[in-house]
Protein backbone atom coordinates (compact mmCIF):
# COMPACT_ATOMS: atom_id res chain seq x y z
CA MET A 1 78.96 -55.07 70.00
CA GLU A 2 76.80 -55.91 72.98
CA LYS A 3 78.50 -55.77 76.40
CA GLU A 4 76.56 -56.67 79.53
CA PHE A 5 77.80 -56.55 83.12
CA VAL A 6 77.53 -59.99 84.74
CA GLY A 7 79.29 -59.65 88.09
CA ILE A 8 82.55 -59.12 89.93
CA CYS A 9 85.53 -61.49 90.04
CA GLY A 10 85.72 -63.22 93.40
CA VAL A 11 89.54 -62.96 93.40
CA CYS A 12 90.60 -59.55 92.03
CA GLU A 13 87.21 -57.80 92.20
CA LYS A 14 87.32 -56.63 88.55
CA ASN A 15 84.06 -56.33 86.63
CA VAL A 16 83.21 -59.36 84.50
CA TYR A 17 81.17 -58.87 81.32
CA CYS A 18 79.38 -60.92 78.71
CA HIS A 19 80.22 -59.94 75.09
CA ASN A 20 77.67 -61.10 72.53
CA GLY A 21 76.77 -64.11 74.65
CA PHE A 22 80.36 -65.02 75.58
CA LEU A 23 81.19 -64.85 79.30
CA GLU A 24 84.62 -63.31 80.02
CA GLY A 25 85.20 -65.56 83.00
CA VAL A 26 84.40 -68.86 84.65
CA VAL A 27 81.67 -69.86 87.09
CA GLN A 28 83.33 -72.20 89.57
CA GLU A 29 81.80 -75.23 91.29
CA ASP A 30 80.95 -73.10 94.34
CA HIS A 31 79.07 -70.71 91.99
CA THR A 32 81.60 -67.87 92.34
CA LEU A 33 82.55 -65.86 89.28
CA VAL A 34 86.26 -65.57 88.37
CA CYS A 35 87.71 -63.56 85.48
CA PHE A 36 89.89 -65.36 82.91
CA SER A 37 93.09 -63.70 84.21
CA CYS A 38 92.61 -65.05 87.73
CA HIS A 39 91.38 -68.41 86.47
CA ASN A 40 94.48 -68.84 84.29
CA GLU A 41 96.80 -67.86 87.19
CA ASP A 42 95.10 -70.46 89.40
CA LYS A 43 95.56 -73.16 86.74
CA GLU A 44 99.27 -72.31 86.40
CA ASP A 45 99.75 -72.48 90.19
CA LYS A 46 98.14 -75.93 90.37
CA SER A 47 100.32 -77.30 87.54
CA LEU A 48 103.54 -76.60 89.49
């Protein structure tokens, strides 16, 4: 299982990795990296 460090989440500052070619986060329009946990929280906040 290949795990490669990609960057740090722009919200919570956790490390974000790529596992076998799959990014564990989202690159936003402003080119910042956000982990899935923070991205999902942001989506829930906007749906309210």
